[in-house]
Amino acid sequence: MAGKLVETVELDNKLTVELWDLSRVLAGDRWLVSLEVRADVPLKAEMLPESEEKEKVLEVLRNVFGDQVPYRYKQERHFVDQKEKDSVFLQFVKTVKKNLLPYLSHRDFAKRLVISKVRELKAKDPRRFF
């Protein structure tokens, strides 16, 4: 997906967050204003709770995601006038910095993300874990 890296932020929990501008023209002077927040969490065994299936879960996660579990958050607005697109995008950035970055910087964020991805994978296809 094309886009432009706008900013990189290092959080207190050692997570690197990237802010990407994925805005594009829809028609004439109308834009899709799009901000995507990206963070890749290194996958470590200690992020998973102790259980008999821990090794299998770790294997499934590595097969699906590799060594990093992706986090993506997107904020979009459709059919924005060209004159307003920059201010809309800047408002998105301001909102993300105020509301999302404190959430991402929590010391347990990475662990919670990994556990959440395990739950999602189990819900989609529980057979992977046997």
C-alpha atoms as a PDB file:
ATOM      1  CA  MET A   1       0.000   0.000   0.000  1.00  0.00           C
ATOM      2  CA  ALA A   2       1.509   3.335  -1.040  1.00  0.00           C
ATOM      3  CA  GLY A   3       1.673   6.172   1.386  1.00  0.00           C
ATOM      4  CA  LYS A   4       3.952   8.648   3.051  1.00  0.00           C
ATOM      5  CA  LEU A   5       5.567   8.203   6.441  1.00  0.00           C
ATOM      6  CA  VAL A   6       4.681  11.354   8.369  1.00  0.00           C
ATOM      7  CA  GLU A   7       6.203  10.689  11.768  1.00  0.00           C
ATOM      8  CA  THR A   8       7.889   8.030  13.874  1.00  0.00           C
ATOM      9  CA  VAL A   9       7.357   8.037  17.634  1.00  0.00           C
ATOM     10  CA  GLU A  10       9.369   6.053  20.207  1.00  0.00           C
ATOM     11  CA  LEU A  11       7.200   5.179  23.194  1.00  0.00           C
ATOM     12  CA  ASP A  12       8.318   4.612  26.783  1.00  0.00           C
ATOM     13  CA  ASN A  13       7.631   0.875  26.434  1.00  0.00           C
ATOM     14  CA  LYS A  14      10.223   0.691  23.586  1.00  0.00           C
ATOM     15  CA  LEU A  15       7.541   0.350  20.915  1.00  0.00           C
ATOM     16  CA  THR A  16       8.068   2.311  17.693  1.00  0.00           C
ATOM     17  CA  VAL A  17       4.904   3.798  16.210  1.00  0.00           C
ATOM     18  CA  GLU A  18       4.684   5.108  12.661  1.00  0.00           C
ATOM     19  CA  LEU A  19       2.078   7.575  11.389  1.00  0.00           C
ATOM     20  CA  TRP A  20       1.344   7.144   7.678  1.00  0.00           C
ATOM     21  CA  ASP A  21      -0.583   9.422   5.340  1.00  0.00           C
ATOM     22  CA  LEU A  22      -2.574   7.208   2.965  1.00  0.00           C
ATOM     23  CA  SER A  23      -4.774  10.017   1.631  1.00  0.00           C
ATOM     24  CA  ARG A  24      -5.721  10.000  -2.043  1.00  0.00           C
ATOM     25  CA  VAL A  25      -7.921  11.749  -4.584  1.00  0.00           C
ATOM     26  CA  LEU A  26     -11.369  10.211  -5.016  1.00  0.00           C
ATOM     27  CA  ALA A  27     -12.888  12.405  -7.715  1.00  0.00           C
ATOM     28  CA  GLY A  28     -12.069  15.917  -8.866  1.00  0.00           C
ATOM     29  CA  ASP A  29     -11.281  17.975  -5.776  1.00  0.00           C
ATOM     30  CA  ARG A  30     -12.627  15.358  -3.327  1.00  0.00           C
ATOM     31  CA  TRP A  31     -10.248  13.343  -1.193  1.00  0.00           C
ATOM     32  CA  LEU A  32     -10.187  10.310   1.017  1.00  0.00           C
ATOM     33  CA  VAL A  33      -8.197  11.565   4.001  1.00  0.00           C
ATOM     34  CA  SER A  34      -6.571   8.579   5.685  1.00  0.00           C
ATOM     35  CA  LEU A  35      -4.152   8.219   8.592  1.00  0.00           C
ATOM     36  CA  GLU A  36      -2.791   4.790   9.468  1.00  0.00           C
ATOM     37  CA  VAL A  37      -0.942   4.095  12.703  1.00  0.00           C
ATOM     38  CA  ARG A  38       1.460   1.163  12.500  1.00  0.00           C
ATOM     39  CA  ALA A  39       3.374  -0.621  15.218  1.00  0.00           C
ATOM     40  CA  ASP A  40       5.060  -4.007  15.045  1.00  0.00           C
ATOM     41  CA  VAL A  41       5.412  -5.809  18.357  1.00  0.00           C
ATOM     42  CA  PRO A  42       8.324  -8.267  18.637  1.00  0.00           C
ATOM     43  CA  LEU A  43       6.940 -11.715  19.424  1.00  0.00           C
ATOM     44  CA  LYS A  44       8.428 -13.185  22.604  1.00  0.00           C
ATOM     45  CA  ALA A  45       7.466 -16.384  24.430  1.00  0.00           C
ATOM     46  CA  GLU A  46       7.121 -14.559  27.759  1.00  0.00           C
ATOM     47  CA  MET A  47       4.180 -12.595  26.365  1.00  0.00           C
ATOM     48  CA  LEU A  48       2.033 -15.713  26.487  1.00  0.00           C
ATOM     49  CA  PRO A  49       0.544 -17.086  29.696  1.00  0.00           C
ATOM     50  CA  GLU A  50       1.987 -20.339  30.977  1.00  0.00           C
ATOM     51  CA  SER A  51      -0.030 -23.297  29.705  1.00  0.00           C
ATOM     52  CA  GLU A  52       0.385 -26.736  28.177  1.00  0.00           C
ATOM     53  CA  GLU A  53      -0.316 -25.322  24.722  1.00  0.00           C
ATOM     54  CA  LYS A  54       2.087 -22.356  24.966  1.00  0.00           C
ATOM     55  CA  GLU A  55       4.629 -23.804  22.495  1.00  0.00           C
ATOM     56  CA  LYS A  56       1.914 -24.645  19.951  1.00  0.00           C
ATOM     57  CA  VAL A  57       0.410 -21.150  20.284  1.00  0.00           C
ATOM     58  CA  LEU A  58       3.831 -19.594  19.781  1.00  0.00           C
ATOM     59  CA  GLU A  59       4.397 -21.775  16.711  1.00  0.00           C
ATOM     60  CA  VAL A  60       1.034 -20.748  15.213  1.00  0.00           C
ATOM     61  CA  LEU A  61       1.759 -17.061  15.868  1.00  0.00           C
ATOM     62  CA  ARG A  62       5.174 -17.333  14.208  1.00  0.00           C
ATOM     63  CA  ASN A  63       3.644 -19.121  11.200  1.00  0.00           C
ATOM     64  CA  VAL A  64       0.994 -16.425  10.779  1.00  0.00           C
ATOM     65  CA  PHE A  65       2.916 -13.255  11.688  1.00  0.00           C
ATOM     66  CA  GLY A  66       6.607 -14.115  11.694  1.00  0.00           C
ATOM     67  CA  ASP A  67       8.697 -12.530  14.445  1.00  0.00           C
ATOM     68  CA  GLN A  68       6.506  -9.423  14.816  1.00  0.00           C
ATOM     69  CA  VAL A  69       2.810  -9.052  15.517  1.00  0.00           C
ATOM     70  CA  PRO A  70       1.356  -6.081  13.618  1.00  0.00           C
ATOM     71  CA  TYR A  71      -0.904  -3.450  15.150  1.00  0.00           C
ATOM     72  CA  ARG A  72      -2.803  -1.206  12.741  1.00  0.00           C
ATOM     73  CA  TYR A  73      -5.261   1.594  13.419  1.00  0.00           C
ATOM     74  CA  LYS A  74      -6.828   3.665  10.667  1.00  0.00           C
ATOM     75  CA  GLN A  75      -8.777   6.896  10.728  1.00  0.00           C
ATOM     76  CA  GLU A  76     -10.503   8.012   7.530  1.00  0.00           C
ATOM     77  CA  ARG A  77     -12.915  10.552   6.167  1.00  0.00           C
ATOM     78  CA  HIS A  78     -14.410  10.325   2.685  1.00  0.00           C
ATOM     79  CA  PHE A  79     -15.200  13.084   0.203  1.00  0.00           C
ATOM     80  CA  VAL A  80     -13.220  15.853   1.892  1.00  0.00           C
ATOM     81  CA  ASP A  81     -12.781  19.075  -0.074  1.00  0.00           C
ATOM     82  CA  GLN A  82      -9.186  19.589  -1.226  1.00  0.00           C
ATOM     83  CA  LYS A  83      -9.038  22.882   0.724  1.00  0.00           C
ATOM     84  CA  GLU A  84      -9.845  21.048   3.967  1.00  0.00           C
ATOM     85  CA  LYS A  85      -7.783  17.872   3.554  1.00  0.00           C
ATOM     86  CA  ASP A  86      -4.663  19.147   5.357  1.00  0.00           C
ATOM     87  CA  SER A  87      -6.599  20.409   8.360  1.00  0.00           C
ATOM     88  CA  VAL A  88      -8.592  17.151   8.575  1.00  0.00           C
ATOM     89  CA  PHE A  89      -5.386  15.133   8.464  1.00  0.00           C
ATOM     90  CA  LEU A  90      -3.730  17.301  11.125  1.00  0.00           C
ATOM     91  CA  GLN A  91      -6.786  16.826  13.338  1.00  0.00           C
ATOM     92  CA  PHE A  92      -6.443  13.054  12.906  1.00  0.00           C
ATOM     93  CA  VAL A  93      -2.779  13.264  13.987  1.00  0.00           C
ATOM     94  CA  LYS A  94      -3.658  15.420  16.979  1.00  0.00           C
ATOM     95  CA  THR A  95      -6.394  12.990  18.079  1.00  0.00           C
ATOM     96  CA  VAL A  96      -4.097   9.972  17.708  1.00  0.00           C
ATOM     97  CA  LYS A  97      -1.357  11.633  19.745  1.00  0.00           C
ATOM     98  CA  LYS A  98      -3.785  12.636  22.464  1.00  0.00           C
ATOM     99  CA  ASN A  99      -5.833   9.420  22.708  1.00  0.00           C
ATOM    100  CA  LEU A 100      -4.084   6.475  21.056  1.00  0.00           C
ATOM    101  CA  LEU A 101      -0.405   6.940  21.900  1.00  0.00           C
ATOM    102  CA  PRO A 102      -1.006   6.813  25.683  1.00  0.00           C
ATOM    103  CA  TYR A 103      -2.887   3.540  25.127  1.00  0.00           C
ATOM    104  CA  LEU A 104      -0.071   2.103  23.009  1.00  0.00           C
ATOM    105  CA  SER A 105       2.575   3.185  25.502  1.00  0.00           C
ATOM    106  CA  HIS A 106       1.067   1.150  28.354  1.00  0.00           C
ATOM    107  CA  ARG A 107       3.635  -1.353  29.629  1.00  0.00           C
ATOM    108  CA  ASP A 108       1.263  -4.299  29.030  1.00  0.00           C
ATOM    109  CA  PHE A 109       0.132  -3.262  25.535  1.00  0.00           C
ATOM    110  CA  ALA A 110       2.375  -5.710  23.661  1.00  0.00           C
ATOM    111  CA  LYS A 111       1.321  -8.652  25.812  1.00  0.00           C
ATOM    112  CA  ARG A 112      -2.364  -7.764  25.475  1.00  0.00           C
ATOM    113  CA  LEU A 113      -2.039  -7.403  21.704  1.00  0.00           C
ATOM    114  CA  VAL A 114      -0.482 -10.848  21.361  1.00  0.00           C
ATOM    115  CA  ILE A 115      -3.171 -12.454  23.544  1.00  0.00           C
ATOM    116  CA  SER A 116      -5.835 -10.661  21.498  1.00  0.00           C
ATOM    117  CA  LYS A 117      -4.359 -12.008  18.239  1.00  0.00           C
ATOM    118  CA  VAL A 118      -4.386 -15.544  19.689  1.00  0.00           C
ATOM    119  CA  ARG A 119      -8.081 -15.131  20.526  1.00  0.00           C
ATOM    120  CA  GLU A 120      -8.814 -13.869  16.993  1.00  0.00           C
ATOM    121  CA  LEU A 121      -6.956 -16.768  15.387  1.00  0.00           C
ATOM    122  CA  LYS A 122      -8.717 -19.311  17.600  1.00  0.00           C
ATOM    123  CA  ALA A 123     -12.093 -17.808  16.719  1.00  0.00           C
ATOM    124  CA  LYS A 124     -11.340 -17.877  12.968  1.00  0.00           C
ATOM    125  CA  ASP A 125      -9.827 -21.332  12.776  1.00  0.00           C
ATOM    126  CA  PRO A 126      -9.481 -23.330  16.005  1.00  0.00           C
ATOM    127  CA  ARG A 127      -7.996 -26.280  14.053  1.00  0.00           C
ATOM    128  CA  ARG A 128      -4.680 -24.421  13.770  1.00  0.00           C
ATOM    129  CA  PHE A 129      -4.069 -25.058  17.459  1.00  0.00           C
ATOM    130  CA  PHE A 130      -4.307 -28.867  17.368  1.00  0.00           C
END
